[in-house]
Amino acid sequence: MVMKQITPVFTQAPTQLDSNDLARMFVKSDLTILNWRKFNGLPHIRIPNTTKYNIRYDINDVLEWAADYKKKVDPDMIPKELISHVRQDLLKSNT
């Protein structure tokens, strides 16, 4: 029997952020980001088989959520390596 190597479903993709990145983008605390995730449905990805702190956020999903909930984003705080992955219509609607 030949065993195939399983590749992880969720890896650190170029469009993913962590909670610290989100806190800087929204100019809020980490606790606020946690509360938004728990109570307001902030879209997130939990990486399986890791600690509870390995939560990632897709930047386009977060910007769509921010537009729906009328949250302001500081565009200067979006990591520079992610700017090319951001849908520009979402960026304009949240600033």
N, C-alpha and C. Protein backbone atom coordinates (compact mmCIF):
# COMPACT_ATOMS: atom_id res chain seq x y z
N MET A 1 0.84 -1.18 0.00
CA MET A 1 0.00 0.00 0.00
C MET A 1 0.88 1.25 0.00
N VAL A 2 0.59 2.14 -0.89
CA VAL A 2 1.36 3.37 -1.03
C VAL A 2 0.67 4.48 -0.24
N MET A 3 1.43 5.14 0.61
CA MET A 3 0.88 6.24 1.41
C MET A 3 1.15 7.56 0.71
N LYS A 4 0.12 8.34 0.55
CA LYS A 4 0.29 9.67 -0.03
C LYS A 4 0.55 10.67 1.09
N GLN A 5 1.39 11.62 0.77
CA GLN A 5 1.64 12.68 1.74
C GLN A 5 0.48 13.66 1.69
N ILE A 6 -0.07 13.94 2.84
CA ILE A 6 -1.21 14.85 2.92
C ILE A 6 -0.68 16.26 3.11
N THR A 7 -1.13 17.13 2.24
CA THR A 7 -0.74 18.54 2.39
C THR A 7 -1.79 19.23 3.22
N PRO A 8 -1.39 20.16 4.06
CA PRO A 8 -2.37 20.85 4.91
C PRO A 8 -3.35 21.65 4.07
N VAL A 9 -4.59 21.66 4.51
CA VAL A 9 -5.63 22.38 3.80
C VAL A 9 -5.42 23.89 3.94
N PHE A 10 -5.10 24.33 5.15
CA PHE A 10 -4.91 25.75 5.39
C PHE A 10 -3.44 26.01 5.69
N THR A 11 -2.84 26.79 4.87
CA THR A 11 -1.47 27.22 5.12
C THR A 11 -1.49 28.74 5.13
N GLN A 12 -0.38 29.33 5.47
CA GLN A 12 -0.30 30.79 5.51
C GLN A 12 -0.31 31.31 4.07
N ALA A 13 -1.48 31.58 3.56
CA ALA A 13 -1.63 32.08 2.20
C ALA A 13 -1.28 33.56 2.16
N PRO A 14 -0.95 34.07 1.00
CA PRO A 14 -0.54 35.48 0.92
C PRO A 14 -1.65 36.47 1.26
N THR A 15 -2.91 36.04 1.24
CA THR A 15 -4.00 36.98 1.53
C THR A 15 -4.50 36.85 2.95
N GLN A 16 -3.78 36.14 3.81
CA GLN A 16 -4.26 35.92 5.17
C GLN A 16 -3.54 36.81 6.17
N LEU A 17 -4.32 37.22 7.18
CA LEU A 17 -3.82 38.08 8.25
C LEU A 17 -3.99 37.38 9.58
N ASP A 18 -3.27 37.85 10.59
CA ASP A 18 -3.53 37.36 11.94
C ASP A 18 -4.24 38.47 12.72
N SER A 19 -4.55 38.20 13.97
CA SER A 19 -5.32 39.16 14.78
C SER A 19 -4.57 40.47 14.99
N ASN A 20 -3.26 40.41 15.11
CA ASN A 20 -2.48 41.65 15.28
C ASN A 20 -2.57 42.54 14.06
N ASP A 21 -2.52 41.93 12.86
CA ASP A 21 -2.66 42.71 11.63
C ASP A 21 -4.03 43.38 11.57
N LEU A 22 -5.06 42.64 11.95
CA LEU A 22 -6.41 43.20 11.94
C LEU A 22 -6.55 44.34 12.94
N ALA A 23 -5.98 44.17 14.11
CA ALA A 23 -6.05 45.22 15.13
C ALA A 23 -5.40 46.51 14.62
N ARG A 24 -4.29 46.38 13.90
CA ARG A 24 -3.65 47.57 13.33
C ARG A 24 -4.49 48.18 12.21
N MET A 25 -5.10 47.33 11.36
CA MET A 25 -5.90 47.83 10.25
C MET A 25 -7.12 48.61 10.72
N PHE A 26 -7.76 48.11 11.77
CA PHE A 26 -8.98 48.75 12.27
C PHE A 26 -8.69 49.75 13.38
N VAL A 27 -7.44 49.85 13.83
CA VAL A 27 -7.02 50.70 14.94
C VAL A 27 -7.87 50.36 16.17
N LYS A 28 -7.90 49.08 16.48
CA LYS A 28 -8.63 48.54 17.63
C LYS A 28 -7.72 47.60 18.39
N SER A 29 -8.17 47.12 19.53
CA SER A 29 -7.37 46.19 20.32
C SER A 29 -7.62 44.75 19.86
N ASP A 30 -6.74 43.85 20.28
CA ASP A 30 -6.92 42.43 19.97
C ASP A 30 -8.22 41.90 20.57
N LEU A 31 -8.59 42.41 21.73
CA LEU A 31 -9.82 41.98 22.38
C LEU A 31 -11.05 42.37 21.56
N THR A 32 -11.02 43.54 20.94
CA THR A 32 -12.11 43.94 20.08
C THR A 32 -12.23 43.01 18.88
N ILE A 33 -11.11 42.64 18.29
CA ILE A 33 -11.11 41.70 17.16
C ILE A 33 -11.70 40.36 17.60
N LEU A 34 -11.32 39.89 18.77
CA LEU A 34 -11.86 38.64 19.30
C LEU A 34 -13.38 38.74 19.49
N ASN A 35 -13.85 39.84 20.04
CA ASN A 35 -15.29 40.03 20.25
C ASN A 35 -16.04 40.13 18.93
N TRP A 36 -15.46 40.80 17.95
CA TRP A 36 -16.10 40.85 16.63
C TRP A 36 -16.22 39.45 16.05
N ARG A 37 -15.19 38.63 16.24
CA ARG A 37 -15.22 37.26 15.72
C ARG A 37 -16.29 36.44 16.43
N LYS A 38 -16.38 36.59 17.74
CA LYS A 38 -17.33 35.78 18.52
C LYS A 38 -18.77 36.24 18.35
N PHE A 39 -19.00 37.54 18.37
CA PHE A 39 -20.36 38.06 18.46
C PHE A 39 -20.89 38.71 17.18
N ASN A 40 -20.03 39.14 16.28
CA ASN A 40 -20.48 39.84 15.08
C ASN A 40 -20.20 39.06 13.80
N GLY A 41 -19.68 37.87 13.91
CA GLY A 41 -19.50 37.04 12.73
C GLY A 41 -18.34 37.43 11.84
N LEU A 42 -17.28 37.98 12.41
CA LEU A 42 -16.09 38.30 11.62
C LEU A 42 -15.56 37.01 10.99
N PRO A 43 -15.48 36.95 9.65
CA PRO A 43 -15.07 35.70 9.00
C PRO A 43 -13.62 35.35 9.33
N HIS A 44 -13.41 34.11 9.69
CA HIS A 44 -12.07 33.67 10.08
C HIS A 44 -11.85 32.23 9.66
N ILE A 45 -10.59 31.84 9.70
CA ILE A 45 -10.19 30.47 9.38
C ILE A 45 -9.43 29.95 10.58
N ARG A 46 -9.89 28.85 11.14
CA ARG A 46 -9.16 28.23 12.25
C ARG A 46 -8.30 27.13 11.67
N ILE A 47 -7.01 27.22 11.86
CA ILE A 47 -6.10 26.23 11.32
C ILE A 47 -6.18 24.99 12.20
N PRO A 48 -6.54 23.84 11.62
CA PRO A 48 -6.76 22.64 12.43
C PRO A 48 -5.47 22.09 13.05
N ASN A 49 -5.67 21.39 14.16
CA ASN A 49 -4.58 20.71 14.87
C ASN A 49 -3.51 21.66 15.38
N THR A 50 -3.91 22.84 15.77
CA THR A 50 -2.97 23.80 16.34
C THR A 50 -3.60 24.41 17.58
N THR A 51 -2.91 25.32 18.19
CA THR A 51 -3.42 25.96 19.39
C THR A 51 -4.58 26.88 19.04
N LYS A 52 -5.26 27.35 20.05
CA LYS A 52 -6.44 28.19 19.81
C LYS A 52 -6.10 29.54 19.22
N TYR A 53 -4.83 29.90 19.21
CA TYR A 53 -4.45 31.21 18.71
C TYR A 53 -4.10 31.21 17.23
N ASN A 54 -4.17 30.07 16.56
CA ASN A 54 -3.89 30.03 15.13
C ASN A 54 -5.15 30.27 14.33
N ILE A 55 -5.58 31.50 14.37
CA ILE A 55 -6.73 31.96 13.61
C ILE A 55 -6.20 32.90 12.55
N ARG A 56 -6.67 32.73 11.33
CA ARG A 56 -6.27 33.60 10.23
C ARG A 56 -7.51 34.23 9.62
N TYR A 57 -7.31 35.35 8.97
CA TYR A 57 -8.39 36.10 8.36
C TYR A 57 -8.02 36.39 6.91
N ASP A 58 -8.94 36.14 5.99
CA ASP A 58 -8.72 36.48 4.60
C ASP A 58 -9.06 37.96 4.43
N ILE A 59 -8.16 38.69 3.82
CA ILE A 59 -8.31 40.14 3.77
C ILE A 59 -9.56 40.57 3.00
N ASN A 60 -9.88 39.90 1.91
CA ASN A 60 -11.07 40.29 1.15
C ASN A 60 -12.36 39.98 1.90
N ASP A 61 -12.40 38.84 2.59
CA ASP A 61 -13.57 38.51 3.41
C ASP A 61 -13.76 39.53 4.53
N VAL A 62 -12.65 39.92 5.14
CA VAL A 62 -12.71 40.89 6.24
C VAL A 62 -13.19 42.25 5.73
N LEU A 63 -12.70 42.66 4.56
CA LEU A 63 -13.12 43.96 4.03
C LEU A 63 -14.59 43.95 3.62
N GLU A 64 -15.09 42.82 3.11
CA GLU A 64 -16.52 42.70 2.83
C GLU A 64 -17.33 42.81 4.12
N TRP A 65 -16.86 42.13 5.16
CA TRP A 65 -17.54 42.17 6.46
C TRP A 65 -17.53 43.61 6.99
N ALA A 66 -16.40 44.28 6.86
CA ALA A 66 -16.28 45.65 7.36
C ALA A 66 -17.24 46.59 6.63
N ALA A 67 -17.43 46.38 5.34
CA ALA A 67 -18.38 47.21 4.59
C ALA A 67 -19.81 46.95 5.07
N ASP A 68 -20.14 45.69 5.34
CA ASP A 68 -21.48 45.35 5.82
C ASP A 68 -21.75 45.94 7.20
N TYR A 69 -20.74 45.93 8.07
CA TYR A 69 -20.90 46.42 9.44
C TYR A 69 -20.46 47.86 9.62
N LYS A 70 -20.10 48.52 8.51
CA LYS A 70 -19.72 49.94 8.52
C LYS A 70 -18.55 50.23 9.46
N LYS A 71 -17.53 49.36 9.38
CA LYS A 71 -16.30 49.54 10.15
C LYS A 71 -15.26 50.21 9.26
N LYS A 72 -14.54 51.15 9.80
CA LYS A 72 -13.53 51.88 9.05
C LYS A 72 -12.19 51.17 9.13
N VAL A 73 -11.48 51.16 7.99
CA VAL A 73 -10.17 50.53 7.90
C VAL A 73 -9.16 51.61 7.57
N ASP A 74 -8.00 51.58 8.24
CA ASP A 74 -6.91 52.48 7.91
C ASP A 74 -6.10 51.84 6.78
N PRO A 75 -6.22 52.34 5.54
CA PRO A 75 -5.55 51.69 4.41
C PRO A 75 -4.03 51.70 4.52
N ASP A 76 -3.47 52.65 5.27
CA ASP A 76 -2.02 52.70 5.44
C ASP A 76 -1.50 51.56 6.31
N MET A 77 -2.38 50.94 7.09
CA MET A 77 -1.97 49.87 7.99
C MET A 77 -2.13 48.47 7.39
N ILE A 78 -2.65 48.39 6.18
CA ILE A 78 -2.72 47.09 5.50
C ILE A 78 -1.31 46.70 5.11
N PRO A 79 -0.88 45.49 5.43
CA PRO A 79 0.48 45.08 5.08
C PRO A 79 0.75 45.26 3.58
N LYS A 80 1.90 45.82 3.26
CA LYS A 80 2.23 46.18 1.88
C LYS A 80 2.22 44.97 0.95
N GLU A 81 2.60 43.80 1.46
CA GLU A 81 2.63 42.61 0.60
C GLU A 81 1.23 42.12 0.23
N LEU A 82 0.20 42.64 0.90
CA LEU A 82 -1.17 42.21 0.62
C LEU A 82 -1.95 43.18 -0.26
N ILE A 83 -1.41 44.35 -0.49
CA ILE A 83 -2.14 45.37 -1.25
C ILE A 83 -2.53 44.85 -2.62
N SER A 84 -1.65 44.08 -3.26
CA SER A 84 -1.94 43.59 -4.60
C SER A 84 -3.05 42.54 -4.60
N HIS A 85 -3.35 41.92 -3.44
CA HIS A 85 -4.40 40.91 -3.34
C HIS A 85 -5.75 41.49 -2.95
N VAL A 86 -5.77 42.75 -2.58
CA VAL A 86 -7.01 43.37 -2.09
C VAL A 86 -7.86 43.82 -3.26
N ARG A 87 -9.14 43.48 -3.20
CA ARG A 87 -10.07 44.00 -4.20
C ARG A 87 -10.24 45.49 -3.96
N GLN A 88 -9.95 46.28 -4.96
CA GLN A 88 -9.91 47.74 -4.81
C GLN A 88 -11.28 48.33 -4.49
N ASP A 89 -12.36 47.71 -4.99
CA ASP A 89 -13.69 48.22 -4.67
C ASP A 89 -13.98 48.10 -3.18
N LEU A 90 -13.46 47.05 -2.54
CA LEU A 90 -13.64 46.89 -1.11
C LEU A 90 -12.83 47.89 -0.32
N LEU A 91 -11.64 48.17 -0.80
CA LEU A 91 -10.77 49.11 -0.10
C LEU A 91 -11.36 50.51 -0.13
N LYS A 92 -11.93 50.92 -1.24
CA LYS A 92 -12.50 52.26 -1.36
C LYS A 92 -13.75 52.42 -0.50
N SER A 93 -14.51 51.35 -0.37
CA SER A 93 -15.76 51.46 0.40
C SER A 93 -15.55 51.48 1.91
N ASN A 94 -14.37 51.11 2.38
CA ASN A 94 -14.11 51.02 3.82
C ASN A 94 -13.23 52.12 4.35
N THR A 95 -12.80 53.04 3.54
CA THR A 95 -11.91 54.09 4.04
C THR A 95 -12.66 55.36 4.30
